[in-house]
Amino acid sequence: MSLPPLATPADATAWGYSLPTADAGALLSRASVRIRRAAGQPITPSTVTTQLDADNGIVTLPAPPVVAVGSVRSVDPDDGSLTTVTGWWWDGERLHLPDCSVYRVDVTYQRGWAITPDGIVELTCQVANRLALTPAGMDIGIRQRSIDDYSETFAVEQMDVAGDLLPGELTALKRELSSPGRAWVVGSR
């Protein structure tokens, strides 16, 4: 099942982008896939259950932003059985366990944004607009095209970025994901 687009055609219009009406939804979906891939972390809300190692009673939950921690259970190292842990607390960055002898926990938590930040919505619209303006064929590797005496040749660099985020778009995404109140940074692949 695919995730919903990070922006709607109405968002694109509100941000001043003119996407082709017939393709707007598909373009926004394609832009959303590229943004999620570059982010390397969830944007859309989801609930996750995972087992993690504790380090002196501290557990770092992967894939921020963490919205809420629902349950914490210790994992028995011998048989893998689970026991509910009480007295834990979440400080916004790390999960603190009351007992430092717990070495592995099973944690259920919610991550992602309930409302997609405006900067990500606008970036999605921007990327969709760029995809709409990408010459036909460039995104599938056409290097040159000619009609009669007219010819276009695309730079290799243009072809490389046709399917991903441009450097400025990556910078905007990193800035949005690491803005005040959000203390994580993405890496490009």
N, C-alpha and C. Protein backbone atom coordinates (compact mmCIF):
# COMPACT_ATOMS: atom_id res chain seq x y z
N MET A 1 0.84 -1.17 0.00
CA MET A 1 0.00 0.00 0.00
C MET A 1 0.89 1.24 0.00
N SER A 2 0.62 2.14 -0.91
CA SER A 2 1.44 3.34 -0.99
C SER A 2 0.93 4.40 -0.01
N LEU A 3 1.83 5.23 0.42
CA LEU A 3 1.49 6.32 1.33
C LEU A 3 0.83 7.45 0.55
N PRO A 4 0.03 8.27 1.21
CA PRO A 4 -0.62 9.38 0.52
C PRO A 4 0.41 10.45 0.14
N PRO A 5 0.12 11.24 -0.89
CA PRO A 5 1.02 12.33 -1.25
C PRO A 5 1.17 13.31 -0.09
N LEU A 6 2.30 13.99 -0.03
CA LEU A 6 2.57 14.96 1.02
C LEU A 6 1.91 16.30 0.76
N ALA A 7 1.31 16.46 -0.43
CA ALA A 7 0.61 17.70 -0.79
C ALA A 7 -0.51 17.34 -1.76
N THR A 8 -1.46 18.24 -1.88
CA THR A 8 -2.61 18.04 -2.78
C THR A 8 -2.53 19.05 -3.93
N PRO A 9 -3.31 18.81 -4.98
CA PRO A 9 -3.36 19.82 -6.05
C PRO A 9 -3.79 21.20 -5.52
N ALA A 10 -4.68 21.22 -4.53
CA ALA A 10 -5.09 22.51 -3.93
C ALA A 10 -3.91 23.18 -3.23
N ASP A 11 -3.05 22.39 -2.57
CA ASP A 11 -1.84 22.96 -1.95
C ASP A 11 -0.95 23.59 -3.01
N ALA A 12 -0.76 22.88 -4.13
CA ALA A 12 0.10 23.40 -5.20
C ALA A 12 -0.42 24.74 -5.69
N THR A 13 -1.73 24.83 -5.89
CA THR A 13 -2.33 26.09 -6.34
C THR A 13 -2.13 27.18 -5.29
N ALA A 14 -2.34 26.83 -4.02
CA ALA A 14 -2.18 27.81 -2.93
C ALA A 14 -0.74 28.33 -2.85
N TRP A 15 0.23 27.48 -3.17
CA TRP A 15 1.64 27.89 -3.13
C TRP A 15 2.08 28.54 -4.44
N GLY A 16 1.17 28.66 -5.40
CA GLY A 16 1.48 29.36 -6.65
C GLY A 16 2.04 28.51 -7.76
N TYR A 17 1.88 27.19 -7.66
CA TYR A 17 2.36 26.29 -8.71
C TYR A 17 1.19 25.90 -9.60
N SER A 18 1.44 25.84 -10.90
CA SER A 18 0.40 25.45 -11.87
C SER A 18 0.74 24.09 -12.44
N LEU A 19 0.23 23.06 -11.80
CA LEU A 19 0.47 21.69 -12.28
C LEU A 19 -0.59 21.34 -13.32
N PRO A 20 -0.24 20.52 -14.30
CA PRO A 20 -1.25 20.08 -15.27
C PRO A 20 -2.36 19.33 -14.53
N THR A 21 -3.59 19.75 -14.71
CA THR A 21 -4.72 19.20 -13.96
C THR A 21 -4.80 17.68 -14.06
N ALA A 22 -4.63 17.13 -15.24
CA ALA A 22 -4.77 15.68 -15.43
C ALA A 22 -3.67 14.89 -14.73
N ASP A 23 -2.50 15.50 -14.53
CA ASP A 23 -1.35 14.79 -13.96
C ASP A 23 -0.99 15.24 -12.55
N ALA A 24 -1.70 16.20 -11.99
CA ALA A 24 -1.30 16.79 -10.71
C ALA A 24 -1.15 15.74 -9.61
N GLY A 25 -2.12 14.86 -9.46
CA GLY A 25 -2.05 13.85 -8.41
C GLY A 25 -0.85 12.94 -8.57
N ALA A 26 -0.59 12.48 -9.79
CA ALA A 26 0.54 11.60 -10.05
C ALA A 26 1.87 12.33 -9.82
N LEU A 27 1.95 13.58 -10.25
CA LEU A 27 3.18 14.35 -10.04
C LEU A 27 3.46 14.56 -8.56
N LEU A 28 2.43 14.85 -7.78
CA LEU A 28 2.59 15.04 -6.34
C LEU A 28 2.97 13.73 -5.66
N SER A 29 2.43 12.61 -6.13
CA SER A 29 2.81 11.30 -5.59
C SER A 29 4.28 11.01 -5.88
N ARG A 30 4.71 11.26 -7.11
CA ARG A 30 6.11 11.03 -7.48
C ARG A 30 7.04 11.93 -6.66
N ALA A 31 6.66 13.19 -6.49
CA ALA A 31 7.47 14.11 -5.68
C ALA A 31 7.54 13.62 -4.23
N SER A 32 6.43 13.13 -3.71
CA SER A 32 6.38 12.64 -2.32
C SER A 32 7.30 11.45 -2.12
N VAL A 33 7.34 10.54 -3.09
CA VAL A 33 8.23 9.38 -3.00
C VAL A 33 9.68 9.84 -2.93
N ARG A 34 10.05 10.80 -3.77
CA ARG A 34 11.42 11.30 -3.78
C ARG A 34 11.78 11.98 -2.46
N ILE A 35 10.85 12.74 -1.91
CA ILE A 35 11.10 13.44 -0.65
C ILE A 35 11.22 12.46 0.50
N ARG A 36 10.34 11.47 0.55
CA ARG A 36 10.44 10.46 1.62
C ARG A 36 11.76 9.69 1.52
N ARG A 37 12.15 9.34 0.30
CA ARG A 37 13.40 8.60 0.11
C ARG A 37 14.59 9.45 0.57
N ALA A 38 14.61 10.71 0.23
CA ALA A 38 15.72 11.59 0.63
C ALA A 38 15.70 11.87 2.13
N ALA A 39 14.51 11.94 2.72
CA ALA A 39 14.40 12.24 4.15
C ALA A 39 15.01 11.13 5.00
N GLY A 40 14.81 9.89 4.59
CA GLY A 40 15.34 8.78 5.36
C GLY A 40 14.69 8.63 6.72
N GLN A 41 13.55 9.22 6.91
CA GLN A 41 12.80 9.13 8.16
C GLN A 41 11.33 9.31 7.82
N PRO A 42 10.45 8.86 8.70
CA PRO A 42 9.02 8.97 8.39
C PRO A 42 8.55 10.42 8.43
N ILE A 43 7.61 10.70 7.57
CA ILE A 43 6.96 12.00 7.57
C ILE A 43 5.49 11.81 7.91
N THR A 44 4.89 10.78 7.32
CA THR A 44 3.49 10.45 7.56
C THR A 44 3.38 9.65 8.85
N PRO A 45 2.36 9.91 9.68
CA PRO A 45 2.22 9.19 10.96
C PRO A 45 2.13 7.67 10.79
N SER A 46 2.78 6.96 11.70
CA SER A 46 2.70 5.50 11.74
C SER A 46 2.99 5.04 13.16
N THR A 47 2.53 3.84 13.47
CA THR A 47 2.81 3.22 14.77
C THR A 47 3.80 2.10 14.53
N VAL A 48 4.84 2.05 15.34
CA VAL A 48 5.92 1.09 15.17
C VAL A 48 6.13 0.32 16.46
N THR A 49 6.39 -0.97 16.33
CA THR A 49 6.83 -1.78 17.46
C THR A 49 8.17 -2.38 17.05
N THR A 50 9.17 -2.15 17.87
CA THR A 50 10.51 -2.63 17.55
C THR A 50 11.26 -3.00 18.82
N GLN A 51 12.25 -3.86 18.69
CA GLN A 51 13.10 -4.21 19.83
C GLN A 51 14.43 -3.48 19.69
N LEU A 52 14.84 -2.85 20.79
CA LEU A 52 16.05 -2.03 20.80
C LEU A 52 16.88 -2.33 22.03
N ASP A 53 18.18 -2.12 21.90
CA ASP A 53 19.08 -2.28 23.04
C ASP A 53 19.05 -1.03 23.91
N ALA A 54 19.15 -1.25 25.22
CA ALA A 54 19.23 -0.14 26.18
C ALA A 54 20.70 0.03 26.56
N ASP A 55 21.10 1.27 26.76
CA ASP A 55 22.47 1.58 27.16
C ASP A 55 22.40 2.34 28.48
N ASN A 56 22.68 1.64 29.58
CA ASN A 56 22.60 2.23 30.92
C ASN A 56 21.24 2.85 31.18
N GLY A 57 20.19 2.15 30.80
CA GLY A 57 18.84 2.62 31.07
C GLY A 57 18.32 3.65 30.08
N ILE A 58 19.05 3.88 28.99
CA ILE A 58 18.64 4.86 27.98
C ILE A 58 18.42 4.14 26.65
N VAL A 59 17.31 4.46 25.99
CA VAL A 59 17.00 3.89 24.68
C VAL A 59 16.74 5.05 23.72
N THR A 60 17.43 5.02 22.58
CA THR A 60 17.20 6.02 21.54
C THR A 60 16.29 5.39 20.49
N LEU A 61 15.14 6.02 20.27
CA LEU A 61 14.19 5.49 19.30
C LEU A 61 14.58 5.96 17.90
N PRO A 62 14.60 5.04 16.94
CA PRO A 62 14.98 5.42 15.58
C PRO A 62 13.84 6.14 14.86
N ALA A 63 14.20 6.80 13.79
CA ALA A 63 13.24 7.42 12.87
C ALA A 63 12.35 8.46 13.52
N PRO A 64 12.95 9.57 13.98
CA PRO A 64 12.13 10.66 14.51
C PRO A 64 11.31 11.28 13.38
N PRO A 65 10.33 12.08 13.65
CA PRO A 65 9.92 12.57 14.95
C PRO A 65 9.05 11.55 15.69
N VAL A 66 9.33 11.39 16.98
CA VAL A 66 8.53 10.52 17.83
C VAL A 66 7.43 11.38 18.44
N VAL A 67 6.19 10.96 18.24
CA VAL A 67 5.04 11.70 18.74
C VAL A 67 4.68 11.25 20.14
N ALA A 68 4.66 9.94 20.36
CA ALA A 68 4.28 9.40 21.67
C ALA A 68 4.81 7.98 21.80
N VAL A 69 5.14 7.60 23.03
CA VAL A 69 5.54 6.23 23.33
C VAL A 69 4.36 5.56 24.00
N GLY A 70 3.94 4.42 23.45
CA GLY A 70 2.75 3.74 23.97
C GLY A 70 3.05 2.70 25.02
N SER A 71 4.03 1.85 24.76
CA SER A 71 4.34 0.80 25.73
C SER A 71 5.81 0.43 25.65
N VAL A 72 6.32 -0.04 26.80
CA VAL A 72 7.71 -0.48 26.89
C VAL A 72 7.70 -1.80 27.65
N ARG A 73 8.34 -2.81 27.06
CA ARG A 73 8.43 -4.12 27.70
C ARG A 73 9.86 -4.61 27.63
N SER A 74 10.33 -5.21 28.72
CA SER A 74 11.68 -5.76 28.71
C SER A 74 11.66 -7.11 27.99
N VAL A 75 12.76 -7.42 27.34
CA VAL A 75 12.89 -8.68 26.60
C VAL A 75 13.84 -9.58 27.39
N ASP A 76 13.35 -10.74 27.79
CA ASP A 76 14.18 -11.69 28.52
C ASP A 76 15.26 -12.22 27.58
N PRO A 77 16.54 -12.11 27.98
CA PRO A 77 17.63 -12.54 27.09
C PRO A 77 17.66 -14.05 26.85
N ASP A 78 17.05 -14.83 27.74
CA ASP A 78 17.10 -16.28 27.58
C ASP A 78 16.00 -16.82 26.68
N ASP A 79 14.76 -16.39 26.94
CA ASP A 79 13.65 -16.98 26.17
C ASP A 79 12.87 -15.97 25.32
N GLY A 80 13.25 -14.69 25.40
CA GLY A 80 12.59 -13.67 24.58
C GLY A 80 11.23 -13.24 25.09
N SER A 81 10.84 -13.72 26.28
CA SER A 81 9.54 -13.33 26.81
C SER A 81 9.54 -11.84 27.16
N LEU A 82 8.34 -11.26 27.13
CA LEU A 82 8.19 -9.82 27.35
C LEU A 82 7.53 -9.54 28.69
N THR A 83 8.05 -8.55 29.42
CA THR A 83 7.50 -8.12 30.69
C THR A 83 7.30 -6.61 30.65
N THR A 84 6.11 -6.14 31.01
CA THR A 84 5.81 -4.71 30.98
C THR A 84 6.73 -3.95 31.92
N VAL A 85 7.30 -2.86 31.42
CA VAL A 85 8.16 -1.98 32.22
C VAL A 85 7.30 -0.80 32.67
N THR A 86 7.33 -0.50 33.96
CA THR A 86 6.62 0.68 34.47
C THR A 86 7.65 1.69 34.96
N GLY A 87 7.24 2.94 35.03
CA GLY A 87 8.12 3.97 35.55
C GLY A 87 9.06 4.58 34.51
N TRP A 88 8.95 4.17 33.26
CA TRP A 88 9.79 4.77 32.21
C TRP A 88 9.28 6.17 31.88
N TRP A 89 10.12 7.00 31.27
CA TRP A 89 9.68 8.31 30.81
C TRP A 89 10.40 8.67 29.52
N TRP A 90 9.72 9.47 28.73
CA TRP A 90 10.23 9.96 27.45
C TRP A 90 10.54 11.44 27.61
N ASP A 91 11.77 11.85 27.32
CA ASP A 91 12.14 13.26 27.50
C ASP A 91 12.09 14.06 26.19
N GLY A 92 11.56 13.47 25.15
CA GLY A 92 11.50 14.14 23.86
C GLY A 92 12.61 13.72 22.93
N GLU A 93 13.65 13.11 23.49
CA GLU A 93 14.77 12.62 22.69
C GLU A 93 15.10 11.17 22.99
N ARG A 94 15.01 10.80 24.26
CA ARG A 94 15.39 9.45 24.67
C ARG A 94 14.36 8.87 25.63
N LEU A 95 14.31 7.55 25.61
CA LEU A 95 13.45 6.82 26.53
C LEU A 95 14.31 6.42 27.73
N HIS A 96 13.86 6.79 28.92
CA HIS A 96 14.60 6.49 30.15
C HIS A 96 13.91 5.34 30.88
N LEU A 97 14.69 4.33 31.23
CA LEU A 97 14.16 3.17 31.95
C LEU A 97 14.51 3.30 33.43
N PRO A 98 13.59 2.88 34.31
CA PRO A 98 13.87 3.00 35.74
C PRO A 98 14.89 1.97 36.23
N ASP A 99 15.09 0.91 35.45
CA ASP A 99 15.97 -0.17 35.87
C ASP A 99 17.09 -0.33 34.84
N CYS A 100 18.31 0.00 35.23
CA CYS A 100 19.45 -0.07 34.30
C CYS A 100 19.88 -1.50 33.99
N SER A 101 19.26 -2.49 34.65
CA SER A 101 19.62 -3.87 34.35
C SER A 101 18.85 -4.41 33.14
N VAL A 102 17.93 -3.62 32.61
CA VAL A 102 17.21 -4.02 31.40
C VAL A 102 18.12 -3.72 30.21
N TYR A 103 18.41 -4.76 29.41
CA TYR A 103 19.34 -4.58 28.30
C TYR A 103 18.66 -4.50 26.94
N ARG A 104 17.45 -5.01 26.85
CA ARG A 104 16.73 -4.97 25.58
C ARG A 104 15.26 -4.74 25.88
N VAL A 105 14.63 -3.86 25.07
CA VAL A 105 13.22 -3.56 25.27
C VAL A 105 12.46 -3.69 23.95
N ASP A 106 11.18 -3.94 24.10
CA ASP A 106 10.23 -3.98 22.99
C ASP A 106 9.38 -2.72 23.17
N VAL A 107 9.48 -1.78 22.22
CA VAL A 107 8.83 -0.47 22.36
C VAL A 107 7.81 -0.27 21.25
N THR A 108 6.63 0.21 21.62
CA THR A 108 5.62 0.61 20.64
C THR A 108 5.49 2.12 20.75
N TYR A 109 5.65 2.80 19.59
CA TYR A 109 5.57 4.26 19.61
C TYR A 109 5.00 4.78 18.29
N GLN A 110 4.55 6.03 18.35
CA GLN A 110 4.04 6.71 17.16
C GLN A 110 5.09 7.68 16.67
N ARG A 111 5.26 7.72 15.35
CA ARG A 111 6.23 8.63 14.76
C ARG A 111 5.62 9.32 13.55
N GLY A 112 6.25 10.38 13.10
CA GLY A 112 5.75 11.13 11.95
C GLY A 112 4.93 12.33 12.42
N TRP A 113 4.54 13.18 11.47
CA TRP A 113 3.76 14.37 11.78
C TRP A 113 2.30 14.14 11.48
N ALA A 114 1.42 14.52 12.41
CA ALA A 114 -0.02 14.45 12.15
C ALA A 114 -0.39 15.43 11.04
N ILE A 115 0.24 16.58 11.05
CA ILE A 115 0.05 17.59 10.00
C ILE A 115 1.42 17.82 9.36
N THR A 116 1.50 17.60 8.06
CA THR A 116 2.76 17.77 7.35
C THR A 116 3.19 19.24 7.43
N PRO A 117 4.44 19.50 7.85
CA PRO A 117 4.92 20.88 7.95
C PRO A 117 4.81 21.61 6.61
N ASP A 118 4.50 22.90 6.68
CA ASP A 118 4.33 23.72 5.47
C ASP A 118 5.55 23.65 4.55
N GLY A 119 6.73 23.64 5.12
CA GLY A 119 7.94 23.60 4.29
C GLY A 119 8.03 22.35 3.45
N ILE A 120 7.56 21.23 3.99
CA ILE A 120 7.57 19.97 3.24
C ILE A 120 6.46 19.98 2.20
N VAL A 121 5.30 20.54 2.54
CA VAL A 121 4.20 20.66 1.56
C VAL A 121 4.67 21.50 0.38
N GLU A 122 5.26 22.65 0.67
CA GLU A 122 5.72 23.54 -0.41
C GLU A 122 6.81 22.87 -1.24
N LEU A 123 7.74 22.18 -0.59
CA LEU A 123 8.81 21.48 -1.32
C LEU A 123 8.22 20.40 -2.22
N THR A 124 7.21 19.69 -1.74
CA THR A 124 6.55 18.67 -2.56
C THR A 124 5.96 19.30 -3.81
N CYS A 125 5.31 20.45 -3.65
CA CYS A 125 4.73 21.16 -4.80
C CYS A 125 5.82 21.62 -5.76
N GLN A 126 6.93 22.10 -5.21
CA GLN A 126 8.05 22.56 -6.04
C GLN A 126 8.62 21.41 -6.86
N VAL A 127 8.85 20.26 -6.22
CA VAL A 127 9.41 19.10 -6.93
C VAL A 127 8.42 18.61 -7.99
N ALA A 128 7.14 18.57 -7.65
CA ALA A 128 6.12 18.15 -8.63
C ALA A 128 6.12 19.09 -9.83
N ASN A 129 6.26 20.38 -9.59
CA ASN A 129 6.31 21.35 -10.68
C ASN A 129 7.53 21.11 -11.56
N ARG A 130 8.68 20.84 -10.93
CA ARG A 130 9.89 20.55 -11.71
C ARG A 130 9.71 19.29 -12.54
N LEU A 131 9.10 18.27 -11.95
CA LEU A 131 8.85 17.04 -12.70
C LEU A 131 7.93 17.30 -13.88
N ALA A 132 6.94 18.16 -13.69
CA ALA A 132 6.02 18.49 -14.78
C ALA A 132 6.75 19.20 -15.92
N LEU A 133 7.78 19.96 -15.58
CA LEU A 133 8.52 20.72 -16.59
C LEU A 133 9.71 19.96 -17.16
N THR A 134 10.00 18.76 -16.63
CA THR A 134 11.12 17.96 -17.14
C THR A 134 10.79 17.50 -18.55
N PRO A 135 11.68 17.75 -19.51
CA PRO A 135 11.41 17.34 -20.88
C PRO A 135 11.12 15.84 -20.97
N ALA A 136 10.14 15.50 -21.78
CA ALA A 136 9.74 14.10 -21.96
C ALA A 136 10.95 13.26 -22.34
N GLY A 137 11.12 12.17 -21.67
CA GLY A 137 12.20 11.24 -21.98
C GLY A 137 13.44 11.44 -21.15
N MET A 138 13.68 12.64 -20.63
CA MET A 138 14.91 12.87 -19.88
C MET A 138 14.94 12.02 -18.62
N ASP A 139 13.78 11.84 -17.98
CA ASP A 139 13.75 11.07 -16.74
C ASP A 139 13.95 9.58 -16.96
N ILE A 140 13.88 9.11 -18.21
CA ILE A 140 14.14 7.69 -18.47
C ILE A 140 15.46 7.49 -19.20
N GLY A 141 16.26 8.55 -19.32
CA GLY A 141 17.61 8.39 -19.82
C GLY A 141 17.87 8.83 -21.24
N ILE A 142 16.92 9.49 -21.89
CA ILE A 142 17.19 9.98 -23.23
C ILE A 142 18.22 11.11 -23.13
N ARG A 143 19.32 10.95 -23.82
CA ARG A 143 20.43 11.91 -23.75
C ARG A 143 20.29 13.00 -24.81
N GLN A 144 19.74 12.65 -25.96
CA GLN A 144 19.63 13.62 -27.05
C GLN A 144 18.39 13.31 -27.87
N ARG A 145 17.77 14.36 -28.39
CA ARG A 145 16.64 14.17 -29.29
C ARG A 145 16.72 15.22 -30.40
N SER A 146 16.25 14.83 -31.57
CA SER A 146 16.33 15.71 -32.73
C SER A 146 15.07 15.60 -33.56
N ILE A 147 14.66 16.72 -34.14
CA ILE A 147 13.58 16.78 -35.11
C ILE A 147 14.06 17.70 -36.22
N ASP A 148 14.18 17.14 -37.42
CA ASP A 148 14.69 17.90 -38.57
C ASP A 148 16.02 18.57 -38.21
N ASP A 149 16.08 19.89 -38.28
CA ASP A 149 17.34 20.57 -37.99
C ASP A 149 17.43 21.08 -36.55
N TYR A 150 16.44 20.71 -35.69
CA TYR A 150 16.46 21.11 -34.28
C TYR A 150 16.98 19.94 -33.45
N SER A 151 17.86 20.22 -32.49
CA SER A 151 18.43 19.17 -31.65
C SER A 151 18.58 19.68 -30.22
N GLU A 152 18.30 18.79 -29.26
CA GLU A 152 18.53 19.08 -27.84
C GLU A 152 19.43 18.00 -27.28
N THR A 153 20.42 18.40 -26.50
CA THR A 153 21.29 17.46 -25.81
C THR A 153 21.25 17.80 -24.32
N PHE A 154 20.95 16.80 -23.51
CA PHE A 154 20.86 17.01 -22.07
C PHE A 154 22.20 16.68 -21.42
N ALA A 155 22.62 17.52 -20.50
CA ALA A 155 23.85 17.26 -19.76
C ALA A 155 23.67 16.03 -18.88
N VAL A 156 24.76 15.31 -18.69
CA VAL A 156 24.70 14.12 -17.85
C VAL A 156 24.21 14.48 -16.45
N GLU A 157 24.62 15.64 -15.94
CA GLU A 157 24.20 16.07 -14.61
C GLU A 157 22.68 16.23 -14.55
N GLN A 158 22.08 16.75 -15.62
CA GLN A 158 20.63 16.90 -15.65
C GLN A 158 19.96 15.54 -15.58
N MET A 159 20.51 14.58 -16.29
CA MET A 159 19.91 13.25 -16.30
C MET A 159 20.02 12.60 -14.92
N ASP A 160 21.16 12.81 -14.26
CA ASP A 160 21.36 12.20 -12.94
C ASP A 160 20.34 12.68 -11.92
N VAL A 161 19.95 13.96 -12.00
CA VAL A 161 19.04 14.50 -10.99
C VAL A 161 17.59 14.48 -11.43
N ALA A 162 17.31 14.05 -12.65
CA ALA A 162 15.93 14.06 -13.13
C ALA A 162 15.03 13.21 -12.25
N GLY A 163 15.56 12.16 -11.65
CA GLY A 163 14.73 11.28 -10.84
C GLY A 163 14.88 11.47 -9.35
N ASP A 164 15.71 12.41 -8.91
CA ASP A 164 15.92 12.63 -7.49
C ASP A 164 15.76 14.11 -7.16
N LEU A 165 16.04 14.45 -5.91
CA LEU A 165 15.98 15.86 -5.52
C LEU A 165 17.25 16.57 -5.96
N LEU A 166 17.09 17.81 -6.36
CA LEU A 166 18.23 18.65 -6.72
C LEU A 166 18.94 19.09 -5.44
N PRO A 167 20.20 19.52 -5.53
CA PRO A 167 20.92 19.93 -4.32
C PRO A 167 20.17 20.98 -3.49
N GLY A 168 19.58 21.98 -4.12
CA GLY A 168 18.83 23.00 -3.39
C GLY A 168 17.60 22.43 -2.70
N GLU A 169 16.97 21.44 -3.34
CA GLU A 169 15.80 20.79 -2.73
C GLU A 169 16.23 19.96 -1.53
N LEU A 170 17.37 19.27 -1.64
CA LEU A 170 17.90 18.52 -0.48
C LEU A 170 18.20 19.45 0.68
N THR A 171 18.79 20.60 0.37
CA THR A 171 19.09 21.59 1.41
C THR A 171 17.81 22.06 2.09
N ALA A 172 16.78 22.34 1.29
CA ALA A 172 15.50 22.78 1.86
C ALA A 172 14.90 21.69 2.74
N LEU A 173 15.00 20.44 2.31
CA LEU A 173 14.46 19.33 3.10
C LEU A 173 15.23 19.19 4.41
N LYS A 174 16.54 19.24 4.35
CA LYS A 174 17.35 19.16 5.57
C LYS A 174 17.01 20.29 6.53
N ARG A 175 16.85 21.49 5.98
CA ARG A 175 16.52 22.65 6.82
C ARG A 175 15.16 22.44 7.49
N GLU A 176 14.19 21.95 6.75
CA GLU A 176 12.86 21.74 7.31
C GLU A 176 12.87 20.66 8.39
N LEU A 177 13.59 19.58 8.15
CA LEU A 177 13.62 18.48 9.12
C LEU A 177 14.46 18.80 10.34
N SER A 178 15.32 19.80 10.25
CA SER A 178 16.15 20.14 11.41
C SER A 178 15.82 21.52 11.96
N SER A 179 14.65 22.05 11.63
CA SER A 179 14.26 23.37 12.14
C SER A 179 13.97 23.29 13.63
N PRO A 180 13.90 24.44 14.33
CA PRO A 180 13.72 24.44 15.78
C PRO A 180 12.57 23.53 16.21
N GLY A 181 12.84 22.77 17.25
CA GLY A 181 11.85 21.83 17.75
C GLY A 181 12.02 20.45 17.13
N ARG A 182 12.90 20.36 16.14
CA ARG A 182 13.17 19.08 15.50
C ARG A 182 14.68 18.92 15.46
N ALA A 183 15.21 17.97 16.21
CA ALA A 183 16.66 17.89 16.37
C ALA A 183 17.29 16.75 15.59
N TRP A 184 16.83 16.46 14.38
CA TRP A 184 17.44 15.41 13.59
C TRP A 184 17.78 15.95 12.21
N VAL A 185 18.74 15.33 11.60
CA VAL A 185 19.21 15.77 10.29
C VAL A 185 19.21 14.58 9.36
N VAL A 186 18.89 14.81 8.10
CA VAL A 186 18.88 13.72 7.12
C VAL A 186 20.21 13.70 6.39
N GLY A 187 20.49 12.59 5.76
CA GLY A 187 21.66 12.48 4.91
C GLY A 187 21.22 12.11 3.51
N SER A 188 21.93 12.59 2.52
CA SER A 188 21.58 12.24 1.15
C SER A 188 22.20 10.90 0.81
N ARG A 189 21.60 10.24 -0.15
CA ARG A 189 22.10 8.91 -0.54
C ARG A 189 22.75 8.99 -1.88
